[in-house]
Amino acid sequence: NDIGMNIDTEFNVGDSVCYLSGDNIIHTSISKIIIEISYTDDSFLMVYKLSDGLSVPRNNYPQWGKRLFRDKDSLMRYLSES
């Protein structure tokens, strides 16, 4: 009896994303999504692998310091609100 697990990945493989690096907006895409599930405490870790080589932990902002955005407009909107 397979219960199945549905995890909202927010972004999908192939999605275009951008992030801020210094004063530059870097455009890249999601090349792979890695999900590690811990059965001991029902937690999971999700990592986005970007096509430019970076790995981004999904729920690790602001520790990682870079937040992913769908497009330049949403990035600029976020900056203007903070």
PDB file of N, CA and C in Angstrom:
ATOM      1  N   ASN A   1       0.848  -1.191   0.000  1.00  0.00           N
ATOM      2  CA  ASN A   1       0.000   0.000   0.000  1.00  0.00           C
ATOM      3  C   ASN A   1       0.882   1.239   0.000  1.00  0.00           C
ATOM      4  N   ASP A   2       1.035   1.846  -1.155  1.00  0.00           N
ATOM      5  CA  ASP A   2       1.925   3.002  -1.285  1.00  0.00           C
ATOM      6  C   ASP A   2       1.184   4.286  -0.927  1.00  0.00           C
ATOM      7  N   ILE A   3       1.644   4.939   0.134  1.00  0.00           N
ATOM      8  CA  ILE A   3       1.009   6.192   0.559  1.00  0.00           C
ATOM      9  C   ILE A   3       1.405   7.322  -0.384  1.00  0.00           C
ATOM     10  N   GLY A   4       2.655   7.350  -0.803  1.00  0.00           N
ATOM     11  CA  GLY A   4       3.127   8.411  -1.694  1.00  0.00           C
ATOM     12  C   GLY A   4       3.416   9.679  -0.924  1.00  0.00           C
ATOM     13  N   MET A   5       4.362  10.430  -1.422  1.00  0.00           N
ATOM     14  CA  MET A   5       4.731  11.665  -0.754  1.00  0.00           C
ATOM     15  C   MET A   5       4.725  12.777  -1.782  1.00  0.00           C
ATOM     16  N   ASN A   6       4.104  13.882  -1.453  1.00  0.00           N
ATOM     17  CA  ASN A   6       4.036  15.013  -2.364  1.00  0.00           C
ATOM     18  C   ASN A   6       4.779  16.180  -1.739  1.00  0.00           C
ATOM     19  N   ILE A   7       5.884  16.569  -2.329  1.00  0.00           N
ATOM     20  CA  ILE A   7       6.695  17.664  -1.803  1.00  0.00           C
ATOM     21  C   ILE A   7       6.635  18.833  -2.773  1.00  0.00           C
ATOM     22  N   ASP A   8       6.279  19.988  -2.255  1.00  0.00           N
ATOM     23  CA  ASP A   8       6.247  21.192  -3.084  1.00  0.00           C
ATOM     24  C   ASP A   8       7.677  21.672  -3.283  1.00  0.00           C
ATOM     25  N   THR A   9       8.182  21.563  -4.506  1.00  0.00           N
ATOM     26  CA  THR A   9       9.568  21.948  -4.764  1.00  0.00           C
ATOM     27  C   THR A   9       9.710  23.423  -5.112  1.00  0.00           C
ATOM     28  N   GLU A  10       8.612  24.140  -5.219  1.00  0.00           N
ATOM     29  CA  GLU A  10       8.598  25.570  -5.545  1.00  0.00           C
ATOM     30  C   GLU A  10       9.079  25.829  -6.968  1.00  0.00           C
ATOM     31  N   PHE A  11      10.271  25.338  -7.301  1.00  0.00           N
ATOM     32  CA  PHE A  11      10.781  25.412  -8.671  1.00  0.00           C
ATOM     33  C   PHE A  11      10.880  23.999  -9.224  1.00  0.00           C
ATOM     34  N   ASN A  12      10.821  23.860 -10.533  1.00  0.00           N
ATOM     35  CA  ASN A  12      10.973  22.561 -11.175  1.00  0.00           C
ATOM     36  C   ASN A  12      12.242  22.546 -12.018  1.00  0.00           C
ATOM     37  N   VAL A  13      12.707  21.339 -12.356  1.00  0.00           N
ATOM     38  CA  VAL A  13      13.879  21.210 -13.214  1.00  0.00           C
ATOM     39  C   VAL A  13      13.596  21.907 -14.540  1.00  0.00           C
ATOM     40  N   GLY A  14      14.536  22.727 -14.984  1.00  0.00           N
ATOM     41  CA  GLY A  14      14.379  23.454 -16.235  1.00  0.00           C
ATOM     42  C   GLY A  14      13.884  24.877 -16.050  1.00  0.00           C
ATOM     43  N   ASP A  15      13.350  25.192 -14.864  1.00  0.00           N
ATOM     44  CA  ASP A  15      12.870  26.553 -14.615  1.00  0.00           C
ATOM     45  C   ASP A  15      14.017  27.556 -14.659  1.00  0.00           C
ATOM     46  N   SER A  16      13.762  28.698 -15.260  1.00  0.00           N
ATOM     47  CA  SER A  16      14.727  29.795 -15.227  1.00  0.00           C
ATOM     48  C   SER A  16      14.601  30.517 -13.894  1.00  0.00           C
ATOM     49  N   VAL A  17      15.739  30.800 -13.280  1.00  0.00           N
ATOM     50  CA  VAL A  17      15.759  31.519 -12.005  1.00  0.00           C
ATOM     51  C   VAL A  17      16.864  32.569 -12.051  1.00  0.00           C
ATOM     52  N   CYS A  18      16.822  33.490 -11.110  1.00  0.00           N
ATOM     53  CA  CYS A  18      17.917  34.447 -10.993  1.00  0.00           C
ATOM     54  C   CYS A  18      18.174  34.726  -9.522  1.00  0.00           C
ATOM     55  N   TYR A  19      19.388  35.196  -9.235  1.00  0.00           N
ATOM     56  CA  TYR A  19      19.751  35.551  -7.870  1.00  0.00           C
ATOM     57  C   TYR A  19      20.744  36.689  -7.914  1.00  0.00           C
ATOM     58  N   LEU A  20      20.911  37.323  -6.777  1.00  0.00           N
ATOM     59  CA  LEU A  20      21.811  38.459  -6.672  1.00  0.00           C
ATOM     60  C   LEU A  20      23.182  37.978  -6.227  1.00  0.00           C
ATOM     61  N   SER A  21      24.227  38.386  -6.929  1.00  0.00           N
ATOM     62  CA  SER A  21      25.599  38.096  -6.524  1.00  0.00           C
ATOM     63  C   SER A  21      26.349  39.417  -6.520  1.00  0.00           C
ATOM     64  N   GLY A  22      26.578  39.966  -5.337  1.00  0.00           N
ATOM     65  CA  GLY A  22      27.126  41.312  -5.254  1.00  0.00           C
ATOM     66  C   GLY A  22      26.105  42.276  -5.819  1.00  0.00           C
ATOM     67  N   ASP A  23      26.504  43.052  -6.816  1.00  0.00           N
ATOM     68  CA  ASP A  23      25.575  43.976  -7.466  1.00  0.00           C
ATOM     69  C   ASP A  23      25.022  43.414  -8.771  1.00  0.00           C
ATOM     70  N   ASN A  24      25.372  42.183  -9.084  1.00  0.00           N
ATOM     71  CA  ASN A  24      24.960  41.589 -10.359  1.00  0.00           C
ATOM     72  C   ASN A  24      23.780  40.645 -10.188  1.00  0.00           C
ATOM     73  N   ILE A  25      22.892  40.653 -11.161  1.00  0.00           N
ATOM     74  CA  ILE A  25      21.803  39.677 -11.199  1.00  0.00           C
ATOM     75  C   ILE A  25      22.255  38.531 -12.098  1.00  0.00           C
ATOM     76  N   ILE A  26      22.340  37.340 -11.521  1.00  0.00           N
ATOM     77  CA  ILE A  26      22.793  36.163 -12.254  1.00  0.00           C
ATOM     78  C   ILE A  26      21.575  35.376 -12.730  1.00  0.00           C
ATOM     79  N   HIS A  27      21.501  35.114 -14.034  1.00  0.00           N
ATOM     80  CA  HIS A  27      20.405  34.319 -14.607  1.00  0.00           C
ATOM     81  C   HIS A  27      20.913  32.908 -14.860  1.00  0.00           C
ATOM     82  N   THR A  28      20.169  31.917 -14.400  1.00  0.00           N
ATOM     83  CA  THR A  28      20.556  30.528 -14.584  1.00  0.00           C
ATOM     84  C   THR A  28      19.284  29.684 -14.602  1.00  0.00           C
ATOM     85  N   SER A  29      19.419  28.386 -14.499  1.00  0.00           N
ATOM     86  CA  SER A  29      18.227  27.537 -14.444  1.00  0.00           C
ATOM     87  C   SER A  29      18.474  26.371 -13.493  1.00  0.00           C
ATOM     88  N   ILE A  30      17.394  25.710 -13.112  1.00  0.00           N
ATOM     89  CA  ILE A  30      17.474  24.555 -12.217  1.00  0.00           C
ATOM     90  C   ILE A  30      17.833  23.336 -13.061  1.00  0.00           C
ATOM     91  N   SER A  31      18.966  22.697 -12.762  1.00  0.00           N
ATOM     92  CA  SER A  31      19.348  21.525 -13.548  1.00  0.00           C
ATOM     93  C   SER A  31      18.971  20.220 -12.849  1.00  0.00           C
ATOM     94  N   LYS A  32      18.843  20.260 -11.518  1.00  0.00           N
ATOM     95  CA  LYS A  32      18.534  19.038 -10.776  1.00  0.00           C
ATOM     96  C   LYS A  32      17.984  19.435  -9.413  1.00  0.00           C
ATOM     97  N   ILE A  33      17.098  18.622  -8.864  1.00  0.00           N
ATOM     98  CA  ILE A  33      16.613  18.838  -7.500  1.00  0.00           C
ATOM     99  C   ILE A  33      16.902  17.570  -6.709  1.00  0.00           C
ATOM    100  N   ILE A  34      17.628  17.723  -5.613  1.00  0.00           N
ATOM    101  CA  ILE A  34      17.974  16.579  -4.772  1.00  0.00           C
ATOM    102  C   ILE A  34      17.182  16.687  -3.476  1.00  0.00           C
ATOM    103  N   ILE A  35      16.508  15.607  -3.105  1.00  0.00           N
ATOM    104  CA  ILE A  35      15.729  15.600  -1.868  1.00  0.00           C
ATOM    105  C   ILE A  35      16.235  14.463  -0.989  1.00  0.00           C
ATOM    106  N   GLU A  36      16.623  14.798   0.236  1.00  0.00           N
ATOM    107  CA  GLU A  36      17.040  13.793   1.208  1.00  0.00           C
ATOM    108  C   GLU A  36      15.988  13.748   2.299  1.00  0.00           C
ATOM    109  N   ILE A  37      15.444  12.561   2.541  1.00  0.00           N
ATOM    110  CA  ILE A  37      14.388  12.414   3.537  1.00  0.00           C
ATOM    111  C   ILE A  37      14.933  11.662   4.744  1.00  0.00           C
ATOM    112  N   SER A  38      14.690  12.220   5.930  1.00  0.00           N
ATOM    113  CA  SER A  38      15.072  11.550   7.164  1.00  0.00           C
ATOM    114  C   SER A  38      13.829  10.890   7.754  1.00  0.00           C
ATOM    115  N   TYR A  39      13.853   9.572   7.838  1.00  0.00           N
ATOM    116  CA  TYR A  39      12.690   8.869   8.382  1.00  0.00           C
ATOM    117  C   TYR A  39      12.663   8.922   9.899  1.00  0.00           C
ATOM    118  N   THR A  40      13.788   9.271  10.530  1.00  0.00           N
ATOM    119  CA  THR A  40      13.819   9.302  11.989  1.00  0.00           C
ATOM    120  C   THR A  40      13.018  10.467  12.553  1.00  0.00           C
ATOM    121  N   ASP A  41      13.075  11.631  11.890  1.00  0.00           N
ATOM    122  CA  ASP A  41      12.318  12.769  12.427  1.00  0.00           C
ATOM    123  C   ASP A  41      11.400  13.401  11.379  1.00  0.00           C
ATOM    124  N   ASP A  42      11.120  12.659  10.300  1.00  0.00           N
ATOM    125  CA  ASP A  42      10.183  13.130   9.266  1.00  0.00           C
ATOM    126  C   ASP A  42      10.558  14.467   8.646  1.00  0.00           C
ATOM    127  N   SER A  43      11.837  14.791   8.638  1.00  0.00           N
ATOM    128  CA  SER A  43      12.248  16.050   8.012  1.00  0.00           C
ATOM    129  C   SER A  43      12.849  15.738   6.648  1.00  0.00           C
ATOM    130  N   PHE A  44      12.980  16.763   5.832  1.00  0.00           N
ATOM    131  CA  PHE A  44      13.641  16.543   4.556  1.00  0.00           C
ATOM    132  C   PHE A  44      14.482  17.758   4.203  1.00  0.00           C
ATOM    133  N   LEU A  45      15.497  17.510   3.415  1.00  0.00           N
ATOM    134  CA  LEU A  45      16.385  18.560   2.937  1.00  0.00           C
ATOM    135  C   LEU A  45      16.276  18.575   1.423  1.00  0.00           C
ATOM    136  N   MET A  46      16.074  19.755   0.867  1.00  0.00           N
ATOM    137  CA  MET A  46      15.981  19.877  -0.583  1.00  0.00           C
ATOM    138  C   MET A  46      17.061  20.825  -1.077  1.00  0.00           C
ATOM    139  N   VAL A  47      17.765  20.400  -2.117  1.00  0.00           N
ATOM    140  CA  VAL A  47      18.839  21.212  -2.683  1.00  0.00           C
ATOM    141  C   VAL A  47      18.591  21.391  -4.175  1.00  0.00           C
ATOM    142  N   TYR A  48      18.643  22.642  -4.624  1.00  0.00           N
ATOM    143  CA  TYR A  48      18.570  22.932  -6.054  1.00  0.00           C
ATOM    144  C   TYR A  48      19.982  22.956  -6.610  1.00  0.00           C
ATOM    145  N   LYS A  49      20.235  22.166  -7.656  1.00  0.00           N
ATOM    146  CA  LYS A  49      21.492  22.264  -8.394  1.00  0.00           C
ATOM    147  C   LYS A  49      21.234  23.188  -9.568  1.00  0.00           C
ATOM    148  N   LEU A  50      22.028  24.253  -9.681  1.00  0.00           N
ATOM    149  CA  LEU A  50      21.838  25.217 -10.755  1.00  0.00           C
ATOM    150  C   LEU A  50      22.756  24.899 -11.922  1.00  0.00           C
ATOM    151  N   SER A  51      22.355  25.310 -13.118  1.00  0.00           N
ATOM    152  CA  SER A  51      23.151  24.995 -14.303  1.00  0.00           C
ATOM    153  C   SER A  51      24.482  25.734 -14.316  1.00  0.00           C
ATOM    154  N   ASP A  52      24.639  26.766 -13.462  1.00  0.00           N
ATOM    155  CA  ASP A  52      25.946  27.435 -13.388  1.00  0.00           C
ATOM    156  C   ASP A  52      26.865  26.781 -12.355  1.00  0.00           C
ATOM    157  N   GLY A  53      26.434  25.639 -11.795  1.00  0.00           N
ATOM    158  CA  GLY A  53      27.300  24.878 -10.905  1.00  0.00           C
ATOM    159  C   GLY A  53      27.017  25.053  -9.423  1.00  0.00           C
ATOM    160  N   LEU A  54      26.241  26.057  -9.048  1.00  0.00           N
ATOM    161  CA  LEU A  54      25.956  26.276  -7.634  1.00  0.00           C
ATOM    162  C   LEU A  54      24.916  25.289  -7.117  1.00  0.00           C
ATOM    163  N   SER A  55      25.004  25.002  -5.825  1.00  0.00           N
ATOM    164  CA  SER A  55      23.981  24.219  -5.136  1.00  0.00           C
ATOM    165  C   SER A  55      23.321  25.120  -4.109  1.00  0.00           C
ATOM    166  N   VAL A  56      22.002  25.166  -4.119  1.00  0.00           N
ATOM    167  CA  VAL A  56      21.270  26.054  -3.224  1.00  0.00           C
ATOM    168  C   VAL A  56      20.328  25.257  -2.334  1.00  0.00           C
ATOM    169  N   PRO A  57      20.583  25.237  -1.013  1.00  0.00           N
ATOM    170  CA  PRO A  57      19.626  24.588  -0.112  1.00  0.00           C
ATOM    171  C   PRO A  57      18.306  25.347  -0.140  1.00  0.00           C
ATOM    172  N   ARG A  58      17.207  24.637  -0.286  1.00  0.00           N
ATOM    173  CA  ARG A  58      15.909  25.292  -0.474  1.00  0.00           C
ATOM    174  C   ARG A  58      15.516  26.202   0.681  1.00  0.00           C
ATOM    175  N   ASN A  59      15.595  25.691   1.907  1.00  0.00           N
ATOM    176  CA  ASN A  59      15.081  26.453   3.043  1.00  0.00           C
ATOM    177  C   ASN A  59      16.198  27.064   3.871  1.00  0.00           C
ATOM    178  N   ASN A  60      17.299  27.401   3.230  1.00  0.00           N
ATOM    179  CA  ASN A  60      18.472  27.837   3.971  1.00  0.00           C
ATOM    180  C   ASN A  60      18.756  29.325   3.821  1.00  0.00           C
ATOM    181  N   TYR A  61      17.811  30.095   3.267  1.00  0.00           N
ATOM    182  CA  TYR A  61      17.983  31.539   3.207  1.00  0.00           C
ATOM    183  C   TYR A  61      17.604  32.085   4.580  1.00  0.00           C
ATOM    184  N   PRO A  62      18.311  33.008   5.207  1.00  0.00           N
ATOM    185  CA  PRO A  62      19.421  33.798   4.652  1.00  0.00           C
ATOM    186  C   PRO A  62      20.816  33.240   4.917  1.00  0.00           C
ATOM    187  N   GLN A  63      20.949  32.047   5.535  1.00  0.00           N
ATOM    188  CA  GLN A  63      22.298  31.539   5.817  1.00  0.00           C
ATOM    189  C   GLN A  63      23.150  31.475   4.551  1.00  0.00           C
ATOM    190  N   TRP A  64      22.548  31.025   3.463  1.00  0.00           N
ATOM    191  CA  TRP A  64      23.315  30.912   2.219  1.00  0.00           C
ATOM    192  C   TRP A  64      23.528  32.279   1.597  1.00  0.00           C
ATOM    193  N   GLY A  65      22.648  33.236   1.909  1.00  0.00           N
ATOM    194  CA  GLY A  65      22.837  34.604   1.443  1.00  0.00           C
ATOM    195  C   GLY A  65      22.298  34.890   0.056  1.00  0.00           C
ATOM    196  N   LYS A  66      21.850  33.864  -0.636  1.00  0.00           N
ATOM    197  CA  LYS A  66      21.302  34.078  -1.977  1.00  0.00           C
ATOM    198  C   LYS A  66      19.919  33.456  -2.046  1.00  0.00           C
ATOM    199  N   ARG A  67      18.984  34.226  -2.476  1.00  0.00           N
ATOM    200  CA  ARG A  67      17.617  33.748  -2.597  1.00  0.00           C
ATOM    201  C   ARG A  67      17.286  33.635  -4.081  1.00  0.00           C
ATOM    202  N   LEU A  68      16.588  32.581  -4.461  1.00  0.00           N
ATOM    203  CA  LEU A  68      16.241  32.387  -5.869  1.00  0.00           C
ATOM    204  C   LEU A  68      14.930  33.089  -6.202  1.00  0.00           C
ATOM    205  N   PHE A  69      14.875  33.674  -7.390  1.00  0.00           N
ATOM    206  CA  PHE A  69      13.674  34.345  -7.870  1.00  0.00           C
ATOM    207  C   PHE A  69      13.342  33.846  -9.264  1.00  0.00           C
ATOM    208  N   ARG A  70      12.063  33.910  -9.616  1.00  0.00           N
ATOM    209  CA  ARG A  70      11.633  33.474 -10.947  1.00  0.00           C
ATOM    210  C   ARG A  70      12.120  34.404 -12.039  1.00  0.00           C
ATOM    211  N   ASP A  71      12.175  35.704 -11.736  1.00  0.00           N
ATOM    212  CA  ASP A  71      12.574  36.662 -12.763  1.00  0.00           C
ATOM    213  C   ASP A  71      13.115  37.924 -12.104  1.00  0.00           C
ATOM    214  N   LYS A  72      13.663  38.792 -12.937  1.00  0.00           N
ATOM    215  CA  LYS A  72      14.270  40.031 -12.455  1.00  0.00           C
ATOM    216  C   LYS A  72      13.244  40.915 -11.744  1.00  0.00           C
ATOM    217  N   ASP A  73      11.997  40.930 -12.254  1.00  0.00           N
ATOM    218  CA  ASP A  73      10.960  41.767 -11.641  1.00  0.00           C
ATOM    219  C   ASP A  73      10.677  41.369 -10.198  1.00  0.00           C
ATOM    220  N   SER A  74      10.550  40.057  -9.941  1.00  0.00           N
ATOM    221  CA  SER A  74      10.265  39.634  -8.568  1.00  0.00           C
ATOM    222  C   SER A  74      11.464  39.880  -7.658  1.00  0.00           C
ATOM    223  N   LEU A  75      12.679  39.778  -8.201  1.00  0.00           N
ATOM    224  CA  LEU A  75      13.875  40.099  -7.426  1.00  0.00           C
ATOM    225  C   LEU A  75      13.878  41.585  -7.054  1.00  0.00           C
ATOM    226  N   MET A  76      13.592  42.447  -8.012  1.00  0.00           N
ATOM    227  CA  MET A  76      13.578  43.892  -7.756  1.00  0.00           C
ATOM    228  C   MET A  76      12.465  44.262  -6.767  1.00  0.00           C
ATOM    229  N   ARG A  77      11.320  43.602  -6.895  1.00  0.00           N
ATOM    230  CA  ARG A  77      10.209  43.856  -5.976  1.00  0.00           C
ATOM    231  C   ARG A  77      10.612  43.482  -4.548  1.00  0.00           C
ATOM    232  N   TYR A  78      11.284  42.332  -4.405  1.00  0.00           N
ATOM    233  CA  TYR A  78      11.752  41.886  -3.094  1.00  0.00           C
ATOM    234  C   TYR A  78      12.728  42.902  -2.490  1.00  0.00           C
ATOM    235  N   LEU A  79      13.658  43.398  -3.318  1.00  0.00           N
ATOM    236  CA  LEU A  79      14.642  44.370  -2.827  1.00  0.00           C
ATOM    237  C   LEU A  79      13.974  45.669  -2.392  1.00  0.00           C
ATOM    238  N   SER A  80      12.958  46.093  -3.115  1.00  0.00           N
ATOM    239  CA  SER A  80      12.302  47.357  -2.783  1.00  0.00           C
ATOM    240  C   SER A  80      11.459  47.241  -1.516  1.00  0.00           C
ATOM    241  N   GLU A  81      11.051  46.006  -1.169  1.00  0.00           N
ATOM    242  CA  GLU A  81      10.244  45.810   0.038  1.00  0.00           C
ATOM    243  C   GLU A  81      11.095  45.622   1.278  1.00  0.00           C
ATOM    244  N   SER A  82      12.369  45.277   1.107  1.00  0.00           N
ATOM    245  CA  SER A  82      13.202  44.995   2.285  1.00  0.00           C
ATOM    246  C   SER A  82      14.010  46.194   2.712  1.00  0.00           C
TER     247      SER A  82
END
